[in-house]
Amino acid sequence: MLALTPDATQMIEQILERSDIPDGAGIRIATTETSSDGNSAGAATHLEMFIAPEPEVADQVIENAGARVFVDDRLADLLDDKQLDAAVDGEQVQFRLDDQA
């Protein structure tokens, strides 16, 4: 299962504590396909993270000290041996995936 570092847990918790974020919301990690020519042939798959009001039905839900992460079921196996880390760069939070130690 995807692990959260203490820094990622803290950053996600702070994001979700904002007054405009509904209770039960979380950070969702999902896939998107993009294509430069508008068709699915040659489309690239990318990971995206966004605030979701609730998990999708088949999402893997990870909860850690107030941080909630919803992992798209298509990614659960791919991220099983990874950990999500976070760092602050100026006024932005940058997340990255690393191998679990």
PDB file of N, CA and C in Angstrom:
ATOM      1  N   MET A   1       0.841  -1.178   0.000  1.00  0.00           N
ATOM      2  CA  MET A   1       0.000   0.000   0.000  1.00  0.00           C
ATOM      3  C   MET A   1       0.887   1.242   0.000  1.00  0.00           C
ATOM      4  N   LEU A   2       0.471   2.272  -0.715  1.00  0.00           N
ATOM      5  CA  LEU A   2       1.192   3.528  -0.734  1.00  0.00           C
ATOM      6  C   LEU A   2       1.366   4.031   0.699  1.00  0.00           C
ATOM      7  N   ALA A   3       2.582   4.430   1.028  1.00  0.00           N
ATOM      8  CA  ALA A   3       2.875   4.973   2.359  1.00  0.00           C
ATOM      9  C   ALA A   3       2.995   6.491   2.256  1.00  0.00           C
ATOM     10  N   LEU A   4       2.726   7.168   3.357  1.00  0.00           N
ATOM     11  CA  LEU A   4       2.871   8.618   3.433  1.00  0.00           C
ATOM     12  C   LEU A   4       4.002   8.944   4.390  1.00  0.00           C
ATOM     13  N   THR A   5       4.918   9.799   3.963  1.00  0.00           N
ATOM     14  CA  THR A   5       5.968  10.244   4.875  1.00  0.00           C
ATOM     15  C   THR A   5       5.349  11.240   5.856  1.00  0.00           C
ATOM     16  N   PRO A   6       6.039  11.513   6.965  1.00  0.00           N
ATOM     17  CA  PRO A   6       5.524  12.526   7.897  1.00  0.00           C
ATOM     18  C   PRO A   6       5.324  13.891   7.232  1.00  0.00           C
ATOM     19  N   ASP A   7       6.224  14.280   6.325  1.00  0.00           N
ATOM     20  CA  ASP A   7       6.068  15.565   5.638  1.00  0.00           C
ATOM     21  C   ASP A   7       4.825  15.569   4.746  1.00  0.00           C
ATOM     22  N   ALA A   8       4.596  14.493   4.011  1.00  0.00           N
ATOM     23  CA  ALA A   8       3.409  14.412   3.156  1.00  0.00           C
ATOM     24  C   ALA A   8       2.144  14.417   4.011  1.00  0.00           C
ATOM     25  N   THR A   9       2.158  13.686   5.106  1.00  0.00           N
ATOM     26  CA  THR A   9       1.008  13.658   6.004  1.00  0.00           C
ATOM     27  C   THR A   9       0.685  15.059   6.505  1.00  0.00           C
ATOM     28  N   GLN A  10       1.695  15.778   6.935  1.00  0.00           N
ATOM     29  CA  GLN A  10       1.502  17.126   7.459  1.00  0.00           C
ATOM     30  C   GLN A  10       0.960  18.076   6.379  1.00  0.00           C
ATOM     31  N   MET A  11       1.519  18.027   5.183  1.00  0.00           N
ATOM     32  CA  MET A  11       1.076  18.921   4.113  1.00  0.00           C
ATOM     33  C   MET A  11      -0.358  18.616   3.693  1.00  0.00           C
ATOM     34  N   ILE A  12      -0.690  17.346   3.556  1.00  0.00           N
ATOM     35  CA  ILE A  12      -2.044  16.962   3.166  1.00  0.00           C
ATOM     36  C   ILE A  12      -3.040  17.378   4.244  1.00  0.00           C
ATOM     37  N   GLU A  13      -2.681  17.141   5.489  1.00  0.00           N
ATOM     38  CA  GLU A  13      -3.547  17.545   6.599  1.00  0.00           C
ATOM     39  C   GLU A  13      -3.801  19.052   6.560  1.00  0.00           C
ATOM     40  N   GLN A  14      -2.773  19.836   6.327  1.00  0.00           N
ATOM     41  CA  GLN A  14      -2.931  21.293   6.258  1.00  0.00           C
ATOM     42  C   GLN A  14      -3.818  21.705   5.084  1.00  0.00           C
ATOM     43  N   ILE A  15      -3.662  21.064   3.950  1.00  0.00           N
ATOM     44  CA  ILE A  15      -4.498  21.367   2.784  1.00  0.00           C
ATOM     45  C   ILE A  15      -5.956  21.070   3.092  1.00  0.00           C
ATOM     46  N   LEU A  16      -6.209  19.918   3.701  1.00  0.00           N
ATOM     47  CA  LEU A  16      -7.587  19.487   3.953  1.00  0.00           C
ATOM     48  C   LEU A  16      -8.252  20.247   5.087  1.00  0.00           C
ATOM     49  N   GLU A  17      -7.475  20.957   5.913  1.00  0.00           N
ATOM     50  CA  GLU A  17      -8.044  21.723   7.022  1.00  0.00           C
ATOM     51  C   GLU A  17      -8.613  23.074   6.572  1.00  0.00           C
ATOM     52  N   ARG A  18      -8.366  23.475   5.334  1.00  0.00           N
ATOM     53  CA  ARG A  18      -8.890  24.762   4.856  1.00  0.00           C
ATOM     54  C   ARG A  18     -10.411  24.774   4.985  1.00  0.00           C
ATOM     55  N   SER A  19     -10.947  25.935   5.298  1.00  0.00           N
ATOM     56  CA  SER A  19     -12.386  26.044   5.550  1.00  0.00           C
ATOM     57  C   SER A  19     -13.244  25.750   4.317  1.00  0.00           C
ATOM     58  N   ASP A  20     -12.701  25.912   3.128  1.00  0.00           N
ATOM     59  CA  ASP A  20     -13.486  25.668   1.917  1.00  0.00           C
ATOM     60  C   ASP A  20     -13.457  24.209   1.456  1.00  0.00           C
ATOM     61  N   ILE A  21     -12.756  23.356   2.195  1.00  0.00           N
ATOM     62  CA  ILE A  21     -12.675  21.934   1.856  1.00  0.00           C
ATOM     63  C   ILE A  21     -13.700  21.176   2.701  1.00  0.00           C
ATOM     64  N   PRO A  22     -14.593  20.392   2.070  1.00  0.00           N
ATOM     65  CA  PRO A  22     -15.626  19.685   2.845  1.00  0.00           C
ATOM     66  C   PRO A  22     -15.048  18.574   3.725  1.00  0.00           C
ATOM     67  N   ASP A  23     -15.730  18.297   4.833  1.00  0.00           N
ATOM     68  CA  ASP A  23     -15.347  17.170   5.688  1.00  0.00           C
ATOM     69  C   ASP A  23     -15.390  15.890   4.863  1.00  0.00           C
ATOM     70  N   GLY A  24     -14.444  15.010   5.095  1.00  0.00           N
ATOM     71  CA  GLY A  24     -14.395  13.748   4.364  1.00  0.00           C
ATOM     72  C   GLY A  24     -13.649  13.820   3.055  1.00  0.00           C
ATOM     73  N   ALA A  25     -13.201  15.014   2.669  1.00  0.00           N
ATOM     74  CA  ALA A  25     -12.454  15.168   1.420  1.00  0.00           C
ATOM     75  C   ALA A  25     -11.056  14.582   1.577  1.00  0.00           C
ATOM     76  N   GLY A  26     -10.394  14.389   0.471  1.00  0.00           N
ATOM     77  CA  GLY A  26      -9.027  13.874   0.485  1.00  0.00           C
ATOM     78  C   GLY A  26      -8.305  14.280  -0.785  1.00  0.00           C
ATOM     79  N   ILE A  27      -7.040  13.930  -0.831  1.00  0.00           N
ATOM     80  CA  ILE A  27      -6.232  14.130  -2.024  1.00  0.00           C
ATOM     81  C   ILE A  27      -6.351  12.856  -2.848  1.00  0.00           C
ATOM     82  N   ARG A  28      -6.789  12.986  -4.102  1.00  0.00           N
ATOM     83  CA  ARG A  28      -6.950  11.812  -4.959  1.00  0.00           C
ATOM     84  C   ARG A  28      -5.808  11.748  -5.958  1.00  0.00           C
ATOM     85  N   ILE A  29      -5.258  10.556  -6.100  1.00  0.00           N
ATOM     86  CA  ILE A  29      -4.230  10.290  -7.101  1.00  0.00           C
ATOM     87  C   ILE A  29      -4.886   9.421  -8.166  1.00  0.00           C
ATOM     88  N   ALA A  30      -4.896   9.942  -9.403  1.00  0.00           N
ATOM     89  CA  ALA A  30      -5.571   9.247 -10.500  1.00  0.00           C
ATOM     90  C   ALA A  30      -4.726   9.361 -11.759  1.00  0.00           C
ATOM     91  N   THR A  31      -5.189   8.734 -12.810  1.00  0.00           N
ATOM     92  CA  THR A  31      -4.497   8.797 -14.096  1.00  0.00           C
ATOM     93  C   THR A  31      -5.307   9.613 -15.083  1.00  0.00           C
ATOM     94  N   THR A  32      -4.592  10.243 -15.992  1.00  0.00           N
ATOM     95  CA  THR A  32      -5.224  10.906 -17.131  1.00  0.00           C
ATOM     96  C   THR A  32      -4.431  10.514 -18.360  1.00  0.00           C
ATOM     97  N   GLU A  33      -5.111  10.457 -19.470  1.00  0.00           N
ATOM     98  CA  GLU A  33      -4.424  10.183 -20.735  1.00  0.00           C
ATOM     99  C   GLU A  33      -4.446  11.448 -21.562  1.00  0.00           C
ATOM    100  N   THR A  34      -3.294  11.794 -22.093  1.00  0.00           N
ATOM    101  CA  THR A  34      -3.214  12.969 -22.955  1.00  0.00           C
ATOM    102  C   THR A  34      -2.628  12.560 -24.293  1.00  0.00           C
ATOM    103  N   SER A  35      -3.093  13.225 -25.317  1.00  0.00           N
ATOM    104  CA  SER A  35      -2.612  12.959 -26.665  1.00  0.00           C
ATOM    105  C   SER A  35      -2.446  14.290 -27.379  1.00  0.00           C
ATOM    106  N   SER A  36      -1.356  14.451 -28.076  1.00  0.00           N
ATOM    107  CA  SER A  36      -1.120  15.708 -28.776  1.00  0.00           C
ATOM    108  C   SER A  36      -1.994  15.865 -30.013  1.00  0.00           C
ATOM    109  N   ASP A  37      -2.502  14.754 -30.559  1.00  0.00           N
ATOM    110  CA  ASP A  37      -3.282  14.858 -31.784  1.00  0.00           C
ATOM    111  C   ASP A  37      -4.774  14.608 -31.578  1.00  0.00           C
ATOM    112  N   GLY A  38      -5.208  14.432 -30.335  1.00  0.00           N
ATOM    113  CA  GLY A  38      -6.630  14.290 -30.060  1.00  0.00           C
ATOM    114  C   GLY A  38      -7.185  12.890 -30.163  1.00  0.00           C
ATOM    115  N   ASN A  39      -6.375  11.890 -30.525  1.00  0.00           N
ATOM    116  CA  ASN A  39      -6.892  10.524 -30.544  1.00  0.00           C
ATOM    117  C   ASN A  39      -6.146   9.686 -29.505  1.00  0.00           C
ATOM    118  N   SER A  40      -6.646   8.512 -29.243  1.00  0.00           N
ATOM    119  CA  SER A  40      -6.072   7.695 -28.182  1.00  0.00           C
ATOM    120  C   SER A  40      -4.786   6.983 -28.592  1.00  0.00           C
ATOM    121  N   ALA A  41      -4.514   6.874 -29.889  1.00  0.00           N
ATOM    122  CA  ALA A  41      -3.280   6.235 -30.338  1.00  0.00           C
ATOM    123  C   ALA A  41      -2.098   7.093 -29.917  1.00  0.00           C
ATOM    124  N   GLY A  42      -1.178   6.514 -29.230  1.00  0.00           N
ATOM    125  CA  GLY A  42       0.005   7.244 -28.792  1.00  0.00           C
ATOM    126  C   GLY A  42      -0.230   8.116 -27.570  1.00  0.00           C
ATOM    127  N   ALA A  43      -1.359   7.929 -26.894  1.00  0.00           N
ATOM    128  CA  ALA A  43      -1.654   8.737 -25.708  1.00  0.00           C
ATOM    129  C   ALA A  43      -0.702   8.361 -24.581  1.00  0.00           C
ATOM    130  N   ALA A  44      -0.322   9.345 -23.809  1.00  0.00           N
ATOM    131  CA  ALA A  44       0.543   9.117 -22.654  1.00  0.00           C
ATOM    132  C   ALA A  44      -0.304   9.159 -21.381  1.00  0.00           C
ATOM    133  N   THR A  45       0.034   8.319 -20.430  1.00  0.00           N
ATOM    134  CA  THR A  45      -0.675   8.298 -19.163  1.00  0.00           C
ATOM    135  C   THR A  45       0.126   9.092 -18.140  1.00  0.00           C
ATOM    136  N   HIS A  46      -0.570   9.981 -17.430  1.00  0.00           N
ATOM    137  CA  HIS A  46       0.059  10.828 -16.424  1.00  0.00           C
ATOM    138  C   HIS A  46      -0.676  10.671 -15.101  1.00  0.00           C
ATOM    139  N   LEU A  47       0.055  10.858 -14.021  1.00  0.00           N
ATOM    140  CA  LEU A  47      -0.575  10.881 -12.707  1.00  0.00           C
ATOM    141  C   LEU A  47      -0.988  12.307 -12.401  1.00  0.00           C
ATOM    142  N   GLU A  48      -2.122  12.457 -11.750  1.00  0.00           N
ATOM    143  CA  GLU A  48      -2.537  13.771 -11.292  1.00  0.00           C
ATOM    144  C   GLU A  48      -3.033  13.662  -9.859  1.00  0.00           C
ATOM    145  N   MET A  49      -2.855  14.745  -9.127  1.00  0.00           N
ATOM    146  CA  MET A  49      -3.330  14.824  -7.743  1.00  0.00           C
ATOM    147  C   MET A  49      -4.267  16.017  -7.657  1.00  0.00           C
ATOM    148  N   PHE A  50      -5.386  15.817  -6.981  1.00  0.00           N
ATOM    149  CA  PHE A  50      -6.338  16.902  -6.801  1.00  0.00           C
ATOM    150  C   PHE A  50      -7.177  16.634  -5.565  1.00  0.00           C
ATOM    151  N   ILE A  51      -7.828  17.676  -5.078  1.00  0.00           N
ATOM    152  CA  ILE A  51      -8.707  17.526  -3.919  1.00  0.00           C
ATOM    153  C   ILE A  51     -10.024  16.954  -4.414  1.00  0.00           C
ATOM    154  N   ALA A  52     -10.453  15.875  -3.779  1.00  0.00           N
ATOM    155  CA  ALA A  52     -11.721  15.236  -4.132  1.00  0.00           C
ATOM    156  C   ALA A  52     -12.629  15.243  -2.904  1.00  0.00           C
ATOM    157  N   PRO A  53     -13.914  15.523  -3.083  1.00  0.00           N
ATOM    158  CA  PRO A  53     -14.816  15.578  -1.933  1.00  0.00           C
ATOM    159  C   PRO A  53     -15.008  14.231  -1.247  1.00  0.00           C
ATOM    160  N   GLU A  54     -14.811  13.158  -1.996  1.00  0.00           N
ATOM    161  CA  GLU A  54     -14.943  11.806  -1.447  1.00  0.00           C
ATOM    162  C   GLU A  54     -14.251  10.835  -2.402  1.00  0.00           C
ATOM    163  N   PRO A  55     -13.949   9.627  -1.915  1.00  0.00           N
ATOM    164  CA  PRO A  55     -13.297   8.660  -2.809  1.00  0.00           C
ATOM    165  C   PRO A  55     -14.289   8.095  -3.826  1.00  0.00           C
ATOM    166  N   GLU A  56     -13.755   7.642  -4.950  1.00  0.00           N
ATOM    167  CA  GLU A  56     -14.558   6.886  -5.904  1.00  0.00           C
ATOM    168  C   GLU A  56     -14.827   5.520  -5.273  1.00  0.00           C
ATOM    169  N   VAL A  57     -15.817   4.817  -5.791  1.00  0.00           N
ATOM    170  CA  VAL A  57     -16.241   3.550  -5.198  1.00  0.00           C
ATOM    171  C   VAL A  57     -15.088   2.561  -5.025  1.00  0.00           C
ATOM    172  N   ALA A  58     -14.237   2.396  -6.020  1.00  0.00           N
ATOM    173  CA  ALA A  58     -13.173   1.379  -5.968  1.00  0.00           C
ATOM    174  C   ALA A  58     -11.829   1.921  -5.486  1.00  0.00           C
ATOM    175  N   ASP A  59     -11.766   3.193  -5.093  1.00  0.00           N
ATOM    176  CA  ASP A  59     -10.495   3.769  -4.647  1.00  0.00           C
ATOM    177  C   ASP A  59      -9.958   3.085  -3.398  1.00  0.00           C
ATOM    178  N   GLN A  60      -8.647   3.019  -3.327  1.00  0.00           N
ATOM    179  CA  GLN A  60      -7.974   2.608  -2.092  1.00  0.00           C
ATOM    180  C   GLN A  60      -7.874   3.868  -1.227  1.00  0.00           C
ATOM    181  N   VAL A  61      -8.332   3.792   0.015  1.00  0.00           N
ATOM    182  CA  VAL A  61      -8.328   4.949   0.907  1.00  0.00           C
ATOM    183  C   VAL A  61      -7.234   4.769   1.951  1.00  0.00           C
ATOM    184  N   ILE A  62      -6.356   5.764   2.029  1.00  0.00           N
ATOM    185  CA  ILE A  62      -5.258   5.749   2.993  1.00  0.00           C
ATOM    186  C   ILE A  62      -5.495   6.908   3.949  1.00  0.00           C
ATOM    187  N   GLU A  63      -5.580   6.594   5.226  1.00  0.00           N
ATOM    188  CA  GLU A  63      -5.778   7.627   6.244  1.00  0.00           C
ATOM    189  C   GLU A  63      -4.626   7.558   7.229  1.00  0.00           C
ATOM    190  N   ASN A  64      -4.070   8.738   7.520  1.00  0.00           N
ATOM    191  CA  ASN A  64      -2.929   8.798   8.433  1.00  0.00           C
ATOM    192  C   ASN A  64      -2.952  10.147   9.140  1.00  0.00           C
ATOM    193  N   ALA A  65      -3.272  10.158  10.423  1.00  0.00           N
ATOM    194  CA  ALA A  65      -3.206  11.366  11.254  1.00  0.00           C
ATOM    195  C   ALA A  65      -3.910  12.562  10.629  1.00  0.00           C
ATOM    196  N   GLY A  66      -5.106  12.383  10.116  1.00  0.00           N
ATOM    197  CA  GLY A  66      -5.859  13.491   9.531  1.00  0.00           C
ATOM    198  C   GLY A  66      -5.652  13.683   8.046  1.00  0.00           C
ATOM    199  N   ALA A  67      -4.686  12.996   7.462  1.00  0.00           N
ATOM    200  CA  ALA A  67      -4.447  13.072   6.021  1.00  0.00           C
ATOM    201  C   ALA A  67      -5.204  11.929   5.355  1.00  0.00           C
ATOM    202  N   ARG A  68      -5.956  12.264   4.307  1.00  0.00           N
ATOM    203  CA  ARG A  68      -6.692  11.241   3.557  1.00  0.00           C
ATOM    204  C   ARG A  68      -6.246  11.287   2.104  1.00  0.00           C
ATOM    205  N   VAL A  69      -5.864  10.119   1.591  1.00  0.00           N
ATOM    206  CA  VAL A  69      -5.451  10.000   0.192  1.00  0.00           C
ATOM    207  C   VAL A  69      -6.304   8.916  -0.445  1.00  0.00           C
ATOM    208  N   PHE A  70      -6.864   9.232  -1.604  1.00  0.00           N
ATOM    209  CA  PHE A  70      -7.657   8.282  -2.368  1.00  0.00           C
ATOM    210  C   PHE A  70      -6.841   7.893  -3.602  1.00  0.00           C
ATOM    211  N   VAL A  71      -6.561   6.602  -3.737  1.00  0.00           N
ATOM    212  CA  VAL A  71      -5.756   6.124  -4.867  1.00  0.00           C
ATOM    213  C   VAL A  71      -6.668   5.399  -5.850  1.00  0.00           C
ATOM    214  N   ASP A  72      -6.665   5.876  -7.083  1.00  0.00           N
ATOM    215  CA  ASP A  72      -7.421   5.254  -8.165  1.00  0.00           C
ATOM    216  C   ASP A  72      -7.103   3.759  -8.172  1.00  0.00           C
ATOM    217  N   ASP A  73      -8.121   2.928  -8.239  1.00  0.00           N
ATOM    218  CA  ASP A  73      -7.900   1.481  -8.175  1.00  0.00           C
ATOM    219  C   ASP A  73      -6.978   0.975  -9.273  1.00  0.00           C
ATOM    220  N   ARG A  74      -6.906   1.676 -10.416  1.00  0.00           N
ATOM    221  CA  ARG A  74      -6.007   1.266 -11.501  1.00  0.00           C
ATOM    222  C   ARG A  74      -4.545   1.510 -11.142  1.00  0.00           C
ATOM    223  N   LEU A  75      -4.290   2.331 -10.110  1.00  0.00           N
ATOM    224  CA  LEU A  75      -2.924   2.658  -9.702  1.00  0.00           C
ATOM    225  C   LEU A  75      -2.470   1.931  -8.442  1.00  0.00           C
ATOM    226  N   ALA A  76      -3.382   1.321  -7.733  1.00  0.00           N
ATOM    227  CA  ALA A  76      -3.065   0.736  -6.430  1.00  0.00           C
ATOM    228  C   ALA A  76      -1.876  -0.226  -6.497  1.00  0.00           C
ATOM    229  N   ASP A  77      -1.859  -1.125  -7.469  1.00  0.00           N
ATOM    230  CA  ASP A  77      -0.743  -2.073  -7.582  1.00  0.00           C
ATOM    231  C   ASP A  77       0.553  -1.370  -7.957  1.00  0.00           C
ATOM    232  N   LEU A  78       0.473  -0.396  -8.849  1.00  0.00           N
ATOM    233  CA  LEU A  78       1.650   0.346  -9.295  1.00  0.00           C
ATOM    234  C   LEU A  78       2.296   1.115  -8.134  1.00  0.00           C
ATOM    235  N   LEU A  79       1.482   1.659  -7.237  1.00  0.00           N
ATOM    236  CA  LEU A  79       1.991   2.479  -6.131  1.00  0.00           C
ATOM    237  C   LEU A  79       2.171   1.697  -4.836  1.00  0.00           C
ATOM    238  N   ASP A  80       1.952   0.396  -4.892  1.00  0.00           N
ATOM    239  CA  ASP A  80       1.985  -0.442  -3.689  1.00  0.00           C
ATOM    240  C   ASP A  80       3.303  -0.366  -2.930  1.00  0.00           C
ATOM    241  N   ASP A  81       4.425  -0.229  -3.619  1.00  0.00           N
ATOM    242  CA  ASP A  81       5.729  -0.199  -2.962  1.00  0.00           C
ATOM    243  C   ASP A  81       6.337   1.203  -2.948  1.00  0.00           C
ATOM    244  N   LYS A  82       5.485   2.229  -3.099  1.00  0.00           N
ATOM    245  CA  LYS A  82       5.957   3.615  -3.140  1.00  0.00           C
ATOM    246  C   LYS A  82       5.555   4.361  -1.876  1.00  0.00           C
ATOM    247  N   GLN A  83       6.227   5.503  -1.666  1.00  0.00           N
ATOM    248  CA  GLN A  83       5.825   6.397  -0.595  1.00  0.00           C
ATOM    249  C   GLN A  83       5.678   7.799  -1.172  1.00  0.00           C
ATOM    250  N   LEU A  84       4.685   8.512  -0.670  1.00  0.00           N
ATOM    251  CA  LEU A  84       4.435   9.881  -1.093  1.00  0.00           C
ATOM    252  C   LEU A  84       5.149  10.808  -0.118  1.00  0.00           C
ATOM    253  N   ASP A  85       5.975  11.688  -0.649  1.00  0.00           N
ATOM    254  CA  ASP A  85       6.708  12.642   0.165  1.00  0.00           C
ATOM    255  C   ASP A  85       6.333  14.042  -0.298  1.00  0.00           C
ATOM    256  N   ALA A  86       6.604  15.032   0.537  1.00  0.00           N
ATOM    257  CA  ALA A  86       6.279  16.421   0.203  1.00  0.00           C
ATOM    258  C   ALA A  86       7.375  17.338   0.708  1.00  0.00           C
ATOM    259  N   ALA A  87       7.535  18.453  -0.008  1.00  0.00           N
ATOM    260  CA  ALA A  87       8.482  19.488   0.392  1.00  0.00           C
ATOM    261  C   ALA A  87       7.886  20.833  -0.004  1.00  0.00           C
ATOM    262  N   VAL A  88       8.194  21.849   0.781  1.00  0.00           N
ATOM    263  CA  VAL A  88       7.724  23.193   0.478  1.00  0.00           C
ATOM    264  C   VAL A  88       8.813  23.909  -0.299  1.00  0.00           C
ATOM    265  N   ASP A  89       8.423  24.504  -1.435  1.00  0.00           N
ATOM    266  CA  ASP A  89       9.340  25.269  -2.273  1.00  0.00           C
ATOM    267  C   ASP A  89       8.734  26.662  -2.428  1.00  0.00           C
ATOM    268  N   GLY A  90       9.212  27.610  -1.640  1.00  0.00           N
ATOM    269  CA  GLY A  90       8.606  28.940  -1.634  1.00  0.00           C
ATOM    270  C   GLY A  90       7.228  28.855  -1.024  1.00  0.00           C
ATOM    271  N   GLU A  91       6.209  29.165  -1.829  1.00  0.00           N
ATOM    272  CA  GLU A  91       4.830  29.088  -1.356  1.00  0.00           C
ATOM    273  C   GLU A  91       4.090  27.885  -1.923  1.00  0.00           C
ATOM    274  N   GLN A  92       4.813  26.999  -2.593  1.00  0.00           N
ATOM    275  CA  GLN A  92       4.189  25.832  -3.203  1.00  0.00           C
ATOM    276  C   GLN A  92       4.632  24.556  -2.511  1.00  0.00           C
ATOM    277  N   VAL A  93       3.715  23.597  -2.484  1.00  0.00           N
ATOM    278  CA  VAL A  93       4.028  22.266  -1.980  1.00  0.00           C
ATOM    279  C   VAL A  93       4.293  21.376  -3.185  1.00  0.00           C
ATOM    280  N   GLN A  94       5.400  20.659  -3.142  1.00  0.00           N
ATOM    281  CA  GLN A  94       5.726  19.719  -4.207  1.00  0.00           C
ATOM    282  C   GLN A  94       5.687  18.313  -3.640  1.00  0.00           C
ATOM    283  N   PHE A  95       4.926  17.457  -4.296  1.00  0.00           N
ATOM    284  CA  PHE A  95       4.833  16.055  -3.899  1.00  0.00           C
ATOM    285  C   PHE A  95       5.662  15.217  -4.849  1.00  0.00           C
ATOM    286  N   ARG A  96       6.204  14.126  -4.331  1.00  0.00           N
ATOM    287  CA  ARG A  96       6.939  13.198  -5.194  1.00  0.00           C
ATOM    288  C   ARG A  96       6.745  11.773  -4.667  1.00  0.00           C
ATOM    289  N   LEU A  97       6.906  10.835  -5.562  1.00  0.00           N
ATOM    290  CA  LEU A  97       6.834   9.426  -5.215  1.00  0.00           C
ATOM    291  C   LEU A  97       8.220   8.836  -5.182  1.00  0.00           C
ATOM    292  N   ASP A  98       8.527   8.118  -4.121  1.00  0.00           N
ATOM    293  CA  ASP A  98       9.809   7.429  -3.963  1.00  0.00           C
ATOM    294  C   ASP A  98       9.541   5.965  -3.655  1.00  0.00           C
ATOM    295  N   ASP A  99      10.569   5.133  -3.806  1.00  0.00           N
ATOM    296  CA  ASP A  99      10.451   3.755  -3.356  1.00  0.00           C
ATOM    297  C   ASP A  99      10.414   3.748  -1.834  1.00  0.00           C
ATOM    298  N   GLN A 100       9.641   2.813  -1.282  1.00  0.00           N
ATOM    299  CA  GLN A 100       9.590   2.676   0.174  1.00  0.00           C
ATOM    300  C   GLN A 100      10.931   2.165   0.673  1.00  0.00           C
ATOM    301  N   ALA A 101      11.349   2.681   1.798  1.00  0.00           N
ATOM    302  CA  ALA A 101      12.642   2.285   2.362  1.00  0.00           C
ATOM    303  C   ALA A 101      12.550   0.934   3.019  1.00  0.00           C
TER     304      ALA A 101
END
